[in-house]
Protein backbone atom coordinates (compact mmCIF):
# COMPACT_ATOMS: atom_id res chain seq x y z
CA MET A 1 -145.79 -316.88 -14.55
CA SER A 2 -148.25 -316.78 -17.42
CA ARG A 3 -145.35 -316.41 -19.89
CA LEU A 4 -143.65 -319.48 -18.40
CA TYR A 5 -146.82 -321.54 -18.73
CA LEU A 6 -147.23 -320.44 -22.34
CA LEU A 7 -143.60 -321.38 -23.05
CA LEU A 8 -144.07 -324.84 -21.50
CA LEU A 9 -147.23 -325.38 -23.51
CA ALA A 10 -145.42 -324.35 -26.70
CA VAL A 11 -142.53 -326.78 -25.95
CA ILE A 12 -144.97 -329.64 -25.22
CA ALA A 13 -146.95 -328.90 -28.36
CA GLY A 14 -143.76 -328.80 -30.42
CA ALA A 15 -142.59 -332.11 -28.95
CA VAL A 16 -145.95 -333.75 -29.68
CA LEU A 17 -145.94 -332.50 -33.26
CA LEU A 18 -142.33 -333.61 -33.75
CA GLY A 19 -143.19 -337.07 -32.33
CA MET A 20 -146.19 -337.38 -34.64
CA ALA A 21 -144.03 -336.36 -37.61
CA ILE A 22 -141.37 -338.93 -36.69
CA ALA A 23 -143.97 -341.67 -36.24
CA GLU A 24 -145.77 -340.88 -39.47
CA HIS A 25 -142.72 -340.16 -41.68
CA PRO A 26 -139.52 -341.70 -40.19
CA GLY A 27 -137.54 -341.08 -43.39
CA TYR A 28 -134.45 -342.93 -44.49
CA VAL A 29 -130.76 -341.91 -44.91
CA LEU A 30 -128.14 -344.08 -46.58
CA PHE A 31 -124.44 -343.32 -47.09
CA ALA A 32 -122.36 -345.85 -49.00
CA TYR A 33 -118.66 -345.48 -49.88
CA LYS A 34 -116.74 -348.41 -51.16
CA GLY A 35 -117.31 -351.10 -48.53
CA TYR A 36 -118.72 -348.76 -45.90
CA ARG A 37 -122.45 -348.16 -45.36
CA PHE A 38 -124.34 -345.94 -43.02
CA GLU A 39 -128.09 -346.31 -42.64
CA SER A 40 -130.37 -344.35 -40.39
CA SER A 41 -133.74 -342.73 -40.21
CA LEU A 42 -133.87 -339.10 -41.20
CA TRP A 43 -134.66 -337.88 -37.72
CA VAL A 44 -131.87 -339.85 -36.06
CA PHE A 45 -129.46 -338.43 -38.62
CA LEU A 46 -130.62 -334.87 -37.91
CA GLY A 47 -130.30 -335.49 -34.17
CA LEU A 48 -126.76 -336.76 -34.69
CA LEU A 49 -125.85 -333.66 -36.68
CA MET A 50 -127.22 -331.48 -33.89
CA VAL A 51 -125.19 -333.34 -31.28
CA LEU A 52 -122.03 -332.99 -33.37
CA GLY A 53 -122.68 -329.26 -33.82
CA VAL A 54 -123.12 -328.74 -30.07
CA ALA A 55 -119.97 -330.79 -29.39
CA PHE A 56 -117.99 -328.66 -31.86
CA PHE A 57 -118.97 -325.38 -30.19
CA VAL A 58 -118.29 -326.81 -26.71
CA LEU A 59 -114.84 -327.97 -27.83
CA ARG A 60 -114.10 -324.60 -29.38
CA TRP A 61 -115.09 -322.82 -26.17
CA ALA A 62 -112.91 -325.14 -24.10
CA VAL A 63 -109.88 -324.58 -26.33
CA GLY A 64 -110.37 -320.79 -26.10
CA LEU A 65 -110.64 -321.00 -22.33
CA VAL A 66 -107.43 -323.02 -22.08
CA ALA A 67 -105.60 -320.55 -24.38
CA ALA A 68 -106.79 -317.56 -22.34
CA SER A 69 -105.71 -319.25 -19.12
CA ALA A 70 -102.30 -319.97 -20.60
CA GLY A 71 -102.00 -316.29 -21.62
CA VAL A 72 -102.59 -315.28 -18.02
CA VAL A 73 -100.33 -317.87 -16.48
CA LEU A 74 -97.41 -318.10 -18.91
CA PRO A 75 -94.92 -315.20 -18.45
CA TRP A 76 -93.80 -315.25 -22.10
CA SER A 77 -97.31 -314.87 -23.50
CA GLN A 78 -98.18 -311.81 -25.62
CA ARG A 79 -100.78 -310.77 -23.10
CA ASN A 80 -98.26 -310.75 -20.28
CA ARG A 81 -95.72 -308.90 -22.42
CA ASN A 82 -98.27 -306.20 -23.19
CA ARG A 83 -99.25 -305.95 -19.54
CA ARG A 84 -95.62 -305.55 -18.45
CA ALA A 85 -95.07 -302.89 -21.13
CA ARG A 86 -98.09 -300.92 -19.88
CA GLN A 87 -96.90 -301.15 -16.29
CA ALA A 88 -93.37 -300.06 -17.26
CA ALA A 89 -94.78 -297.07 -19.18
CA LEU A 90 -97.01 -296.08 -16.25
CA HIS A 91 -94.27 -296.34 -13.65
CA GLY A 92 -91.73 -294.70 -15.96
CA GLN A 93 -93.87 -291.63 -16.61
CA ARG A 94 -94.55 -291.27 -12.90
CA ASP A 95 -90.85 -291.55 -12.06
CA LEU A 96 -90.07 -289.00 -14.76
CA ALA A 97 -92.57 -286.54 -13.28
CA GLU A 98 -91.15 -287.11 -9.79
CA GLY A 99 -87.53 -286.70 -10.90
CA ASN A 100 -86.53 -290.32 -10.23
CA TRP A 101 -84.27 -290.33 -13.25
CA GLU A 102 -82.65 -293.77 -12.93
CA GLN A 103 -85.96 -295.59 -12.46
CA ALA A 104 -87.55 -293.53 -15.24
CA LEU A 105 -84.73 -294.38 -17.64
CA ARG A 106 -84.99 -298.09 -16.90
CA GLN A 107 -88.79 -298.30 -17.03
CA LEU A 108 -89.25 -296.11 -20.11
CA GLY A 109 -86.48 -297.91 -21.99
CA ARG A 110 -88.28 -301.19 -21.31
CA ALA A 111 -91.62 -299.73 -22.41
CA ALA A 112 -90.11 -298.30 -25.61
CA ALA A 113 -88.70 -301.69 -26.60
CA SER A 114 -92.12 -303.38 -26.30
CA ASP A 115 -94.67 -300.74 -27.26
CA GLN A 116 -96.00 -300.43 -30.80
CA GLN A 117 -95.98 -296.61 -30.40
CA PRO A 118 -92.74 -295.96 -28.49
CA LEU A 119 -92.15 -292.26 -29.24
CA VAL A 120 -93.24 -290.78 -25.92
CA HIS A 121 -91.24 -293.44 -24.04
CA TYR A 122 -88.07 -292.74 -26.01
CA LEU A 123 -88.38 -288.99 -25.43
CA GLY A 124 -88.94 -289.46 -21.71
CA ALA A 125 -86.03 -291.88 -21.43
CA ALA A 126 -83.78 -289.45 -23.33
CA ARG A 127 -84.68 -286.69 -20.90
CA ALA A 128 -83.97 -288.95 -17.90
CA ALA A 129 -80.58 -289.93 -19.35
CA ASN A 130 -79.81 -286.26 -19.99
CA GLU A 131 -80.63 -285.39 -16.38
CA LEU A 132 -78.25 -288.13 -15.23
CA GLY A 133 -75.48 -286.70 -17.39
CA GLU A 134 -75.54 -289.73 -19.70
CA TYR A 135 -75.45 -287.58 -22.80
CA ALA A 136 -74.32 -290.31 -25.21
CA GLN A 137 -77.16 -292.56 -24.07
CA SER A 138 -79.61 -289.69 -24.36
CA ASP A 139 -78.53 -289.04 -27.96
CA ASP A 140 -78.71 -292.76 -28.75
CA LEU A 141 -82.30 -292.94 -27.45
CA LEU A 142 -83.26 -290.03 -29.68
CA ASN A 143 -81.66 -291.78 -32.66
CA GLN A 144 -83.65 -294.91 -31.88
CA ALA A 145 -86.79 -292.79 -31.75
CA ARG A 146 -85.98 -291.46 -35.23
CA GLU A 147 -85.59 -294.99 -36.56
CA ARG A 148 -88.87 -296.18 -35.03
CA GLU A 149 -90.86 -292.98 -35.68
CA PRO A 150 -89.34 -291.26 -38.75
CA LYS A 151 -92.37 -288.97 -39.15
CA ALA A 152 -91.94 -287.47 -35.68
CA GLU A 153 -88.97 -285.28 -36.65
CA VAL A 154 -90.44 -282.12 -35.10
CA ALA A 155 -91.15 -283.70 -31.72
CA ILE A 156 -87.74 -285.40 -31.62
CA GLY A 157 -85.90 -282.30 -32.83
CA LEU A 158 -87.57 -280.05 -30.27
CA THR A 159 -86.74 -282.49 -27.50
CA GLN A 160 -83.13 -282.68 -28.67
CA ALA A 161 -82.86 -278.88 -28.77
CA ARG A 162 -84.25 -278.51 -25.24
CA LEU A 163 -81.87 -281.15 -23.90
CA LEU A 164 -78.90 -279.47 -25.59
CA ILE A 165 -79.93 -276.14 -24.07
CA ASP A 166 -80.13 -277.79 -20.65
CA ARG A 167 -76.54 -278.98 -21.15
CA GLY A 168 -75.43 -275.47 -22.11
CA GLU A 169 -74.58 -276.61 -25.65
CA TYR A 170 -76.20 -273.60 -27.29
CA GLN A 171 -74.58 -273.74 -30.72
CA PRO A 172 -75.60 -277.37 -31.42
CA ALA A 173 -79.09 -276.53 -30.15
CA LEU A 174 -79.17 -273.54 -32.49
CA ALA A 175 -78.22 -275.76 -35.44
CA VAL A 176 -81.06 -278.16 -34.62
CA LEU A 177 -83.62 -275.36 -34.31
CA GLN A 178 -82.46 -273.63 -37.47
CA GLN A 179 -82.88 -276.88 -39.41
CA LEU A 180 -86.35 -277.35 -37.93
CA HIS A 181 -87.20 -273.76 -38.85
CA ALA A 182 -85.98 -274.32 -42.41
CA ASP A 183 -88.13 -277.46 -42.74
CA HIS A 184 -91.16 -276.04 -40.87
CA PRO A 185 -90.93 -272.23 -41.16
CA GLN A 186 -94.42 -271.61 -39.71
CA HIS A 187 -94.19 -273.87 -36.66
CA ALA A 188 -95.02 -271.61 -33.72
CA TYR A 189 -93.22 -273.57 -30.99
CA VAL A 190 -90.05 -273.87 -33.08
CA LEU A 191 -90.16 -270.10 -33.58
CA GLY A 192 -90.67 -269.46 -29.87
CA LEU A 193 -87.77 -271.67 -28.83
CA LEU A 194 -85.54 -270.18 -31.52
CA GLN A 195 -86.39 -266.67 -30.31
CA LYS A 196 -85.46 -267.57 -26.71
CA LEU A 197 -82.16 -269.05 -27.83
CA TYR A 198 -81.29 -265.95 -29.88
CA VAL A 199 -81.90 -263.84 -26.77
CA GLN A 200 -79.74 -266.23 -24.72
CA LEU A 201 -76.94 -265.96 -27.30
CA GLN A 202 -77.56 -262.21 -27.75
CA ASP A 203 -77.67 -262.77 -31.49
CA TRP A 204 -79.56 -259.54 -32.15
CA PRO A 205 -79.16 -259.39 -35.95
CA ALA A 206 -80.64 -262.87 -36.32
CA LEU A 207 -83.47 -261.99 -33.95
CA CYS A 208 -84.18 -258.81 -35.92
CA GLN A 209 -84.74 -260.96 -39.01
CA LEU A 210 -86.99 -263.33 -37.08
CA LEU A 211 -89.22 -260.62 -35.56
CA PRO A 212 -91.60 -260.19 -38.54
CA THR A 213 -92.33 -263.92 -38.56
CA LEU A 214 -92.87 -263.91 -34.79
CA ARG A 215 -95.42 -261.13 -35.19
CA LYS A 216 -97.13 -262.75 -38.18
CA ARG A 217 -97.50 -266.08 -36.39
CA ARG A 218 -98.46 -264.37 -33.09
CA VAL A 219 -95.92 -266.43 -31.21
CA LEU A 220 -96.00 -263.96 -28.29
CA PRO A 221 -98.72 -261.67 -26.92
CA ALA A 222 -98.68 -258.27 -28.61
CA ASP A 223 -97.35 -256.37 -25.57
CA LYS A 224 -94.50 -258.84 -24.99
CA LEU A 225 -93.63 -258.82 -28.67
CA ASP A 226 -93.49 -255.00 -28.62
CA ASP A 227 -91.09 -255.13 -25.65
CA LEU A 228 -88.97 -257.78 -27.37
CA GLU A 229 -88.88 -255.71 -30.57
CA HIS A 230 -87.66 -252.60 -28.75
CA LEU A 231 -85.09 -254.60 -26.76
CA THR A 232 -83.81 -256.35 -29.87
CA TRP A 233 -83.38 -253.28 -32.06
CA ALA A 234 -81.88 -251.23 -29.22
CA ALA A 235 -79.37 -254.02 -28.53
CA ALA A 236 -78.67 -254.39 -32.26
CA LEU A 237 -77.87 -250.66 -32.51
CA GLU A 238 -75.70 -250.88 -29.42
CA ARG A 239 -73.72 -253.82 -30.82
CA ALA A 240 -73.53 -252.63 -34.43
CA GLY A 241 -69.99 -251.88 -35.52
CA LYS A 242 -68.36 -253.15 -32.32
CA GLY A 243 -67.25 -256.54 -33.63
CA GLU A 244 -64.69 -257.51 -36.21
CA LEU A 245 -65.25 -255.60 -39.44
CA LYS A 246 -65.16 -257.17 -42.87
CA ALA A 247 -63.46 -255.65 -45.88
CA GLY A 248 -65.24 -252.49 -47.01
CA GLU A 249 -67.24 -252.17 -43.79
CA THR A 250 -67.07 -249.34 -41.27
CA ALA A 251 -68.65 -249.11 -37.86
CA ARG A 252 -70.74 -246.16 -39.02
CA SER A 253 -72.03 -248.04 -42.09
CA LEU A 254 -73.08 -250.95 -39.90
CA VAL A 255 -74.93 -248.63 -37.51
CA THR A 256 -76.73 -246.75 -40.28
CA GLY A 257 -77.44 -250.06 -42.05
CA CYS A 258 -79.03 -251.43 -38.90
CA TRP A 259 -81.17 -248.30 -38.62
CA SER A 260 -82.29 -248.52 -42.24
CA GLN A 261 -83.41 -252.14 -41.75
CA MET A 262 -85.56 -251.19 -38.79
CA PRO A 263 -89.34 -251.01 -39.42
CA SER A 264 -90.41 -247.45 -40.08
CA SER A 265 -92.91 -247.60 -37.22
CA LEU A 266 -90.00 -248.04 -34.79
CA GLN A 267 -87.89 -245.24 -36.24
CA HIS A 268 -90.12 -242.76 -34.44
CA ASP A 269 -89.66 -244.42 -31.05
CA ALA A 270 -87.87 -242.11 -28.62
CA GLY A 271 -85.84 -244.89 -27.01
CA LEU A 272 -84.54 -246.18 -30.32
CA LEU A 273 -83.85 -242.65 -31.60
CA TYR A 274 -81.85 -242.04 -28.43
CA ALA A 275 -79.87 -245.27 -28.99
CA TYR A 276 -79.21 -244.44 -32.65
CA ALA A 277 -78.08 -240.88 -32.00
CA THR A 278 -75.89 -242.07 -29.12
CA ARG A 279 -74.11 -244.59 -31.35
CA LEU A 280 -73.56 -241.96 -34.06
CA ARG A 281 -72.13 -239.61 -31.43
CA GLU A 282 -69.82 -242.35 -30.13
CA LEU A 283 -68.53 -242.88 -33.66
CA GLY A 284 -67.82 -239.18 -34.12
CA SER A 285 -70.75 -238.51 -36.49
CA GLU A 286 -71.92 -235.52 -34.45
CA ASP A 287 -73.55 -233.69 -37.37
CA GLU A 288 -75.53 -236.78 -38.37
CA ALA A 289 -76.60 -237.36 -34.77
CA GLU A 290 -77.68 -233.71 -34.51
CA ALA A 291 -79.75 -234.01 -37.69
CA VAL A 292 -81.50 -237.13 -36.37
CA LEU A 293 -82.35 -235.47 -33.05
CA ARG A 294 -83.38 -232.18 -34.64
CA ALA A 295 -85.86 -233.92 -36.97
CA ALA A 296 -87.27 -235.96 -34.09
CA LEU A 297 -87.64 -232.98 -31.72
CA LYS A 298 -89.42 -230.95 -34.37
CA GLN A 299 -92.01 -233.69 -34.77
CA HIS A 300 -92.49 -234.59 -31.11
CA TYR A 301 -90.80 -233.33 -27.96
CA GLU A 302 -89.07 -235.88 -25.72
CA ASP A 303 -87.05 -234.69 -22.74
CA ARG A 304 -84.40 -237.43 -23.09
CA LEU A 305 -83.84 -236.49 -26.73
CA ALA A 306 -83.59 -232.83 -25.72
CA TYR A 307 -81.09 -233.83 -23.03
CA LEU A 308 -78.95 -235.74 -25.56
CA TYR A 309 -79.22 -232.85 -28.01
CA GLY A 310 -77.34 -230.67 -25.52
CA GLN A 311 -74.41 -233.08 -25.53
CA ILE A 312 -74.00 -233.08 -29.31
CA ARG A 313 -71.13 -230.94 -30.61
CA SER A 314 -72.09 -230.31 -34.21
CA SER A 315 -70.42 -228.00 -36.70
CA ASP A 316 -73.28 -225.48 -36.23
CA PRO A 317 -73.85 -224.93 -32.49
CA ALA A 318 -75.79 -221.75 -33.17
CA ARG A 319 -78.46 -223.74 -35.02
CA GLN A 320 -78.66 -226.12 -32.09
CA LEU A 321 -79.18 -223.26 -29.65
CA HIS A 322 -81.84 -221.73 -31.86
CA LEU A 323 -83.78 -225.00 -32.00
CA ALA A 324 -83.54 -225.50 -28.25
CA GLN A 325 -84.81 -221.96 -27.65
CA SER A 326 -87.78 -222.63 -29.93
CA LEU A 327 -88.59 -225.73 -27.89
CA LEU A 328 -88.54 -223.73 -24.67
CA GLU A 329 -91.61 -221.79 -25.81
CA LYS A 330 -93.73 -224.94 -25.44
CA GLN A 331 -91.72 -226.54 -22.60
CA PRO A 332 -90.81 -223.64 -20.28
CA ASP A 333 -90.66 -225.77 -17.11
CA ASP A 334 -88.57 -228.71 -18.28
CA PRO A 335 -85.33 -228.83 -16.23
CA LEU A 336 -83.62 -231.11 -18.78
CA LEU A 337 -84.33 -228.70 -21.63
CA LEU A 338 -83.03 -225.81 -19.52
CA LEU A 339 -79.88 -227.85 -18.80
CA THR A 340 -79.47 -228.40 -22.56
CA LEU A 341 -79.93 -224.66 -23.20
CA GLY A 342 -77.28 -223.91 -20.58
CA ARG A 343 -74.81 -226.25 -22.23
CA LEU A 344 -75.49 -224.98 -25.73
CA SER A 345 -75.17 -221.37 -24.52
CA LEU A 346 -71.78 -222.27 -23.08
CA VAL A 347 -70.70 -223.74 -26.44
CA ASN A 348 -71.85 -220.52 -28.12
CA GLU A 349 -69.97 -218.51 -25.43
CA GLN A 350 -73.15 -216.84 -24.17
CA PHE A 351 -72.15 -217.14 -20.53
CA ASP A 352 -74.83 -214.90 -19.03
CA LYS A 353 -77.58 -216.83 -20.82
CA ALA A 354 -75.95 -220.11 -19.82
CA ARG A 355 -76.00 -219.05 -16.16
CA GLU A 356 -79.61 -217.98 -16.45
CA TYR A 357 -80.70 -221.30 -17.97
CA LEU A 358 -78.74 -223.41 -15.49
CA GLU A 359 -80.07 -221.51 -12.49
CA ALA A 360 -83.62 -221.86 -13.86
CA SER A 361 -83.06 -225.60 -14.22
CA LEU A 362 -81.83 -225.86 -10.63
CA ALA A 363 -84.83 -223.91 -9.42
CA LEU A 364 -87.07 -226.59 -10.91
CA SER A 365 -84.98 -229.62 -9.95
CA ARG A 366 -81.95 -229.81 -7.66
CA SER A 367 -79.91 -232.04 -9.94
CA ALA A 368 -76.33 -233.05 -9.16
CA GLU A 369 -75.46 -232.83 -12.86
CA THR A 370 -76.83 -229.28 -13.20
CA CYS A 371 -74.99 -228.28 -10.02
CA ALA A 372 -71.76 -229.52 -11.57
CA GLU A 373 -72.35 -227.61 -14.83
CA LEU A 374 -73.17 -224.36 -13.05
CA ALA A 375 -70.28 -224.81 -10.61
CA ARG A 376 -67.83 -225.14 -13.50
CA LEU A 377 -69.27 -222.03 -15.14
CA LEU A 378 -69.01 -220.01 -11.92
CA ALA A 379 -65.44 -221.19 -11.38
CA GLN A 380 -64.66 -219.96 -14.91
CA LEU A 381 -66.29 -216.62 -14.03
CA GLY A 382 -64.19 -216.34 -10.87
CA GLU A 383 -67.00 -216.93 -8.35
CA THR A 384 -65.02 -219.55 -6.50
CA GLU A 385 -66.95 -219.57 -3.22
CA HIS A 386 -70.33 -219.99 -4.92
CA SER A 387 -68.83 -222.62 -7.24
CA ASN A 388 -67.51 -224.65 -4.28
CA ARG A 389 -70.90 -224.56 -2.57
CA LEU A 390 -72.57 -225.94 -5.70
CA PHE A 391 -69.95 -228.69 -6.01
CA GLN A 392 -70.62 -229.67 -2.39
CA GLU A 393 -74.36 -229.63 -2.97
CA GLY A 394 -73.97 -231.80 -6.06
CA LEU A 395 -71.99 -234.37 -4.07
CA LYS A 396 -74.75 -234.50 -1.48
CA LEU A 397 -77.42 -235.04 -4.13
CA ASP A 398 -76.65 -238.73 -4.24
CA ARG A 399 -73.78 -239.75 -6.50
CA LEU A 400 -72.77 -237.50 -9.32
CA PRO A 401 -74.16 -239.19 -12.48
CA ALA A 402 -72.20 -239.56 -15.66
CA LEU A 403 -72.74 -236.57 -17.90
CA SER A 404 -73.87 -238.86 -20.72
CA GLU A 405 -76.97 -239.87 -18.76
CA PRO A 406 -80.08 -237.86 -17.95
CA ALA A 407 -80.14 -236.55 -14.41
CA THR A 408 -82.94 -237.79 -12.18
CA SER A 409 -85.27 -235.29 -10.59
């Protein structure tokens, strides 16, 4: 209350002082222009100016209020257009998330036409049209997005590639991704999508070339990238030389070329060594396959490589038997190595040793494949009854596996 009293006293004092000033010095103002004259005291003139100033601000406020009211009421006003665009975008994104494709296409198309930043609306509308099977409309929406947002080539290209993949149009999608990769070679998401498409298309040579970049950019976790690397190179070896050959090419040169391009760290992997030696064997390069397996087994023993070594028919079977016997010193209880020794002894016509090795293998693991090998040997030796029993046992040990595969224990 004391502040109010002080304010009233200040106003009264100011009014008194102003009145005294007016009474003592009224002043005089004269404006004359041609035949027009305006005369007034100074204080009346100042009061008139104050009234005009207040009237101007009141009029300005009233005009603004009327304009704002018109913006709310009139449907064609900019404010209403913006509001409708926001509502269309909101409803369109919700319909898109809920899978209401027709509503999403309509709402997002409307939002894209009105919004100053229409990219996300165009991409959503293109996806909705794609889901409806309106592929031409989907492509047209993406083209409109390019015209409105020319700097968003990566976002538009990635969306186009995903939509083409959804349609099953893999080759056009591949062309889009390859162009994006050429323009943005370090873009991680482009690399990831390109990698998935190569796997889908089983384009192993292309994926082999992409693997170093995938590892450098850490597109995948290390363990998944290791698995992908093994899968890719194994598949590349399996496919090498099986397609149409160009002039001067041979299946063997393609297989050995694929192996030479493989990172050296992978050339010691047992699975890839197995795949490489198998392909050489299939192509009739038995001596080369034997050399690959012999070098690998000398460095590190792997039972599947030892198993495959027993199926190789090189020009020097005695050397093969000698190597296998040297391996037995450190692996005396490996049934697959004993099976390999039995087979190599048969090739070297050492039938007693072959029987000994095969029986030792069966003692460690009742394998259908070993039963079949020993049964054939016994039939050759004239022990028909024993041979028949082993054949029957092998048939009971699940299905008889192909002799090109390792037997399961």
